[in-house]
Amino acid sequence: MQMKELILVEYDEGERRLKLMFQDCVLPQPRQTANSRFRPQGDSKGEQIRRYNEKQAELKKILVLALKQAGIKGLLFEKGEAVGFASSFWTKRADRADLSNFEKSAEDFCNGVVYHDDVQIFKRGEGEKIKDEKENMLIQVWAVRPD
């Protein structure tokens, strides 16, 4: 995987909002039900969970490197801090998974890099419309301020 795949990293310290744009990249392996992720029927070697974990590790490496190059070190959102999460995906694949599986996968590879754990996601935002010739995804994470 090459760095060109993460083409945008923006962090607004005042608003505490992170925006990531991955283009022409491998989309996250769609997360599925707990049973299918860990050992689907007929998958005695756990091939599906292996593929999922490999894809997550690949995307996490890109994310860590890009944040480091942007001067962002450590978690942006501390453990227990409420965050908002929005994501958008574009693919032409006919066999694509449903949106919620892609979203959960994106939340997972941000674990330990952007925020401590995805249980911190308190609010969902609406993703932006994106369409391109290449597969891409846009992720936004922000601090949720108490009213």
C-alpha atoms as a PDB file:
ATOM      1  CA  MET A   1       0.000   0.000   0.000  1.00  0.00           C
ATOM      2  CA  GLN A   2       1.334   3.440  -0.882  1.00  0.00           C
ATOM      3  CA  MET A   3       0.867   6.791   0.830  1.00  0.00           C
ATOM      4  CA  LYS A   4      -0.802   8.266  -2.251  1.00  0.00           C
ATOM      5  CA  GLU A   5      -3.895   6.381  -1.190  1.00  0.00           C
ATOM      6  CA  LEU A   6      -4.517   8.696   1.763  1.00  0.00           C
ATOM      7  CA  ILE A   7      -4.736  11.974  -0.115  1.00  0.00           C
ATOM      8  CA  LEU A   8      -6.173  14.277   2.523  1.00  0.00           C
ATOM      9  CA  VAL A   9      -5.582  14.740   6.210  1.00  0.00           C
ATOM     10  CA  GLU A  10      -7.110  17.846   7.752  1.00  0.00           C
ATOM     11  CA  TYR A  11      -7.308  18.551  11.456  1.00  0.00           C
ATOM     12  CA  ASP A  12      -8.939  21.680  12.827  1.00  0.00           C
ATOM     13  CA  GLU A  13      -7.684  22.059  16.411  1.00  0.00           C
ATOM     14  CA  GLY A  14     -10.259  24.707  17.312  1.00  0.00           C
ATOM     15  CA  GLU A  15     -13.194  22.638  16.127  1.00  0.00           C
ATOM     16  CA  ARG A  16     -11.434  19.373  17.030  1.00  0.00           C
ATOM     17  CA  ARG A  17     -12.451  17.829  13.704  1.00  0.00           C
ATOM     18  CA  LEU A  18     -10.428  15.328  11.667  1.00  0.00           C
ATOM     19  CA  LYS A  19     -11.086  14.689   7.980  1.00  0.00           C
ATOM     20  CA  LEU A  20      -9.468  11.802   6.080  1.00  0.00           C
ATOM     21  CA  MET A  21      -9.860  11.046   2.366  1.00  0.00           C
ATOM     22  CA  PHE A  22      -8.618   7.727   0.999  1.00  0.00           C
ATOM     23  CA  GLN A  23      -8.617   7.500  -2.800  1.00  0.00           C
ATOM     24  CA  ASP A  24      -7.849   4.692  -5.199  1.00  0.00           C
ATOM     25  CA  CYS A  25      -7.333   2.414  -2.239  1.00  0.00           C
ATOM     26  CA  VAL A  26      -8.478  -0.900  -1.007  1.00  0.00           C
ATOM     27  CA  LEU A  27     -11.732  -0.341   0.839  1.00  0.00           C
ATOM     28  CA  PRO A  28     -11.914  -1.897   4.272  1.00  0.00           C
ATOM     29  CA  GLN A  29     -12.859  -5.555   4.339  1.00  0.00           C
ATOM     30  CA  PRO A  30     -16.562  -5.366   5.176  1.00  0.00           C
ATOM     31  CA  ARG A  31     -17.242  -6.343   8.733  1.00  0.00           C
ATOM     32  CA  GLN A  32     -19.972  -8.899   9.088  1.00  0.00           C
ATOM     33  CA  THR A  33     -21.754 -10.653  11.908  1.00  0.00           C
ATOM     34  CA  ALA A  34     -19.702 -11.935  14.828  1.00  0.00           C
ATOM     35  CA  ASN A  35     -20.210 -15.520  13.684  1.00  0.00           C
ATOM     36  CA  SER A  36     -19.036 -14.887  10.133  1.00  0.00           C
ATOM     37  CA  ARG A  37     -16.095 -12.748  11.263  1.00  0.00           C
ATOM     38  CA  PHE A  38     -14.727 -15.326  13.627  1.00  0.00           C
ATOM     39  CA  ARG A  39     -15.515 -18.645  12.005  1.00  0.00           C
ATOM     40  CA  PRO A  40     -18.168 -18.832   9.280  1.00  0.00           C
ATOM     41  CA  GLN A  41     -19.688 -22.182   8.454  1.00  0.00           C
ATOM     42  CA  GLY A  42     -17.431 -24.129   6.144  1.00  0.00           C
ATOM     43  CA  ASP A  43     -14.453 -21.915   6.994  1.00  0.00           C
ATOM     44  CA  SER A  44     -12.510 -24.219   9.282  1.00  0.00           C
ATOM     45  CA  LYS A  45      -9.302 -22.190   8.957  1.00  0.00           C
ATOM     46  CA  GLY A  46     -10.817 -18.808   9.796  1.00  0.00           C
ATOM     47  CA  GLU A  47      -9.925 -17.394   6.362  1.00  0.00           C
ATOM     48  CA  GLN A  48     -12.510 -14.622   6.568  1.00  0.00           C
ATOM     49  CA  ILE A  49     -11.264 -13.240   9.888  1.00  0.00           C
ATOM     50  CA  ARG A  50      -7.676 -13.442   8.605  1.00  0.00           C
ATOM     51  CA  ARG A  51      -8.576 -11.336   5.544  1.00  0.00           C
ATOM     52  CA  TYR A  52     -10.472  -8.857   7.731  1.00  0.00           C
ATOM     53  CA  ASN A  53      -7.551  -8.467  10.135  1.00  0.00           C
ATOM     54  CA  GLU A  54      -5.010  -8.080   7.302  1.00  0.00           C
ATOM     55  CA  LYS A  55      -7.061  -5.342   5.644  1.00  0.00           C
ATOM     56  CA  GLN A  56      -7.548  -3.540   8.965  1.00  0.00           C
ATOM     57  CA  ALA A  57      -3.811  -3.660   9.687  1.00  0.00           C
ATOM     58  CA  GLU A  58      -3.015  -2.298   6.200  1.00  0.00           C
ATOM     59  CA  LEU A  59      -5.378   0.655   6.555  1.00  0.00           C
ATOM     60  CA  LYS A  60      -4.224   1.347  10.114  1.00  0.00           C
ATOM     61  CA  LYS A  61      -0.579   1.554   8.922  1.00  0.00           C
ATOM     62  CA  ILE A  62      -1.525   4.106   6.271  1.00  0.00           C
ATOM     63  CA  LEU A  63      -3.489   6.111   8.826  1.00  0.00           C
ATOM     64  CA  VAL A  64      -0.701   6.136  11.430  1.00  0.00           C
ATOM     65  CA  LEU A  65       1.912   7.209   8.868  1.00  0.00           C
ATOM     66  CA  ALA A  66      -0.290   9.938   7.394  1.00  0.00           C
ATOM     67  CA  LEU A  67      -1.155  11.397  10.796  1.00  0.00           C
ATOM     68  CA  LYS A  68       2.519  11.359  11.766  1.00  0.00           C
ATOM     69  CA  GLN A  69       3.467  13.150   8.529  1.00  0.00           C
ATOM     70  CA  ALA A  70       0.760  15.737   9.240  1.00  0.00           C
ATOM     71  CA  GLY A  71       2.362  16.383  12.645  1.00  0.00           C
ATOM     72  CA  ILE A  72      -0.395  14.648  14.603  1.00  0.00           C
ATOM     73  CA  LYS A  73       1.009  12.463  17.342  1.00  0.00           C
ATOM     74  CA  GLY A  74      -0.976  10.259  19.659  1.00  0.00           C
ATOM     75  CA  LEU A  75      -4.712   9.909  20.050  1.00  0.00           C
ATOM     76  CA  LEU A  76      -6.765  12.948  19.061  1.00  0.00           C
ATOM     77  CA  PHE A  77      -9.622  11.998  21.352  1.00  0.00           C
ATOM     78  CA  GLU A  78      -8.924  10.704  24.840  1.00  0.00           C
ATOM     79  CA  LYS A  79     -10.435   7.583  26.369  1.00  0.00           C
ATOM     80  CA  GLY A  80     -14.044   8.215  27.380  1.00  0.00           C
ATOM     81  CA  GLU A  81     -14.389  11.410  25.316  1.00  0.00           C
ATOM     82  CA  ALA A  82     -17.544  11.462  23.185  1.00  0.00           C
ATOM     83  CA  VAL A  83     -16.907  11.691  19.437  1.00  0.00           C
ATOM     84  CA  GLY A  84     -18.967  12.000  16.288  1.00  0.00           C
ATOM     85  CA  PHE A  85     -18.287   9.835  13.233  1.00  0.00           C
ATOM     86  CA  ALA A  86     -19.319  10.173   9.597  1.00  0.00           C
ATOM     87  CA  SER A  87     -18.155   8.168   6.606  1.00  0.00           C
ATOM     88  CA  SER A  88     -18.812   7.986   2.882  1.00  0.00           C
ATOM     89  CA  PHE A  89     -17.759   5.304   0.411  1.00  0.00           C
ATOM     90  CA  TRP A  90     -17.697   5.008  -3.363  1.00  0.00           C
ATOM     91  CA  THR A  91     -17.257   1.736  -5.213  1.00  0.00           C
ATOM     92  CA  LYS A  92     -18.473   0.364  -8.524  1.00  0.00           C
ATOM     93  CA  ARG A  93     -18.202  -3.248  -7.350  1.00  0.00           C
ATOM     94  CA  ALA A  94     -21.440  -5.117  -7.823  1.00  0.00           C
ATOM     95  CA  ASP A  95     -20.616  -7.366  -4.880  1.00  0.00           C
ATOM     96  CA  ARG A  96     -20.135  -4.555  -2.376  1.00  0.00           C
ATOM     97  CA  ALA A  97     -21.296  -5.038   1.186  1.00  0.00           C
ATOM     98  CA  ASP A  98     -24.005  -2.903   2.699  1.00  0.00           C
ATOM     99  CA  LEU A  99     -23.017   0.507   4.019  1.00  0.00           C
ATOM    100  CA  SER A 100     -23.239  -0.323   7.716  1.00  0.00           C
ATOM    101  CA  ASN A 101     -20.605  -3.066   7.312  1.00  0.00           C
ATOM    102  CA  PHE A 102     -18.178  -0.633   5.643  1.00  0.00           C
ATOM    103  CA  GLU A 103     -18.870   1.956   8.360  1.00  0.00           C
ATOM    104  CA  LYS A 104     -18.165  -0.484  11.175  1.00  0.00           C
ATOM    105  CA  SER A 105     -14.957  -1.572   9.498  1.00  0.00           C
ATOM    106  CA  ALA A 106     -13.833   2.077   9.178  1.00  0.00           C
ATOM    107  CA  GLU A 107     -14.639   2.658  12.856  1.00  0.00           C
ATOM    108  CA  ASP A 108     -12.542  -0.394  13.745  1.00  0.00           C
ATOM    109  CA  PHE A 109      -9.340   0.654  11.955  1.00  0.00           C
ATOM    110  CA  CYS A 110      -9.501   4.068  13.673  1.00  0.00           C
ATOM    111  CA  ASN A 111      -9.393   2.292  17.062  1.00  0.00           C
ATOM    112  CA  GLY A 112      -6.198   3.069  18.946  1.00  0.00           C
ATOM    113  CA  VAL A 113      -5.105   5.643  16.351  1.00  0.00           C
ATOM    114  CA  VAL A 114      -7.724   8.414  16.226  1.00  0.00           C
ATOM    115  CA  TYR A 115      -9.650   7.495  19.386  1.00  0.00           C
ATOM    116  CA  HIS A 116      -9.113   4.895  22.075  1.00  0.00           C
ATOM    117  CA  ASP A 117     -12.096   2.714  21.152  1.00  0.00           C
ATOM    118  CA  ASP A 118     -15.139   3.020  18.898  1.00  0.00           C
ATOM    119  CA  VAL A 119     -17.441   2.764  21.928  1.00  0.00           C
ATOM    120  CA  GLN A 120     -16.693   6.512  22.206  1.00  0.00           C
ATOM    121  CA  ILE A 121     -18.826   7.180  19.119  1.00  0.00           C
ATOM    122  CA  PHE A 122     -21.762   9.048  20.550  1.00  0.00           C
ATOM    123  CA  LYS A 123     -23.143  10.671  17.418  1.00  0.00           C
ATOM    124  CA  ARG A 124     -23.351   9.789  13.739  1.00  0.00           C
ATOM    125  CA  GLY A 125     -23.105  12.429  11.093  1.00  0.00           C
ATOM    126  CA  GLU A 126     -24.127  12.441   7.487  1.00  0.00           C
ATOM    127  CA  GLY A 127     -21.357  11.630   5.043  1.00  0.00           C
ATOM    128  CA  GLU A 128     -20.590  13.758   2.018  1.00  0.00           C
ATOM    129  CA  LYS A 129     -21.556  12.739  -1.485  1.00  0.00           C
ATOM    130  CA  ILE A 130     -18.511  11.455  -3.329  1.00  0.00           C
ATOM    131  CA  LYS A 131     -18.303   9.919  -6.766  1.00  0.00           C
ATOM    132  CA  ASP A 132     -15.208   9.139  -8.730  1.00  0.00           C
ATOM    133  CA  GLU A 133     -13.794   6.669 -11.192  1.00  0.00           C
ATOM    134  CA  LYS A 134     -11.751   5.159  -8.376  1.00  0.00           C
ATOM    135  CA  GLU A 135     -12.831   3.572  -5.129  1.00  0.00           C
ATOM    136  CA  ASN A 136     -12.574   5.968  -2.231  1.00  0.00           C
ATOM    137  CA  MET A 137     -13.745   6.702   1.268  1.00  0.00           C
ATOM    138  CA  LEU A 138     -14.080   9.832   3.359  1.00  0.00           C
ATOM    139  CA  ILE A 139     -14.001   9.682   7.157  1.00  0.00           C
ATOM    140  CA  GLN A 140     -14.732  12.520   9.557  1.00  0.00           C
ATOM    141  CA  VAL A 141     -14.347  12.386  13.353  1.00  0.00           C
ATOM    142  CA  TRP A 142     -15.055  15.242  15.733  1.00  0.00           C
ATOM    143  CA  ALA A 143     -15.388  15.999  19.449  1.00  0.00           C
ATOM    144  CA  VAL A 144     -18.977  16.064  20.652  1.00  0.00           C
ATOM    145  CA  ARG A 145     -19.371  18.947  23.036  1.00  0.00           C
ATOM    146  CA  PRO A 146     -21.918  18.726  25.864  1.00  0.00           C
ATOM    147  CA  ASP A 147     -24.896  21.038  25.430  1.00  0.00           C
END
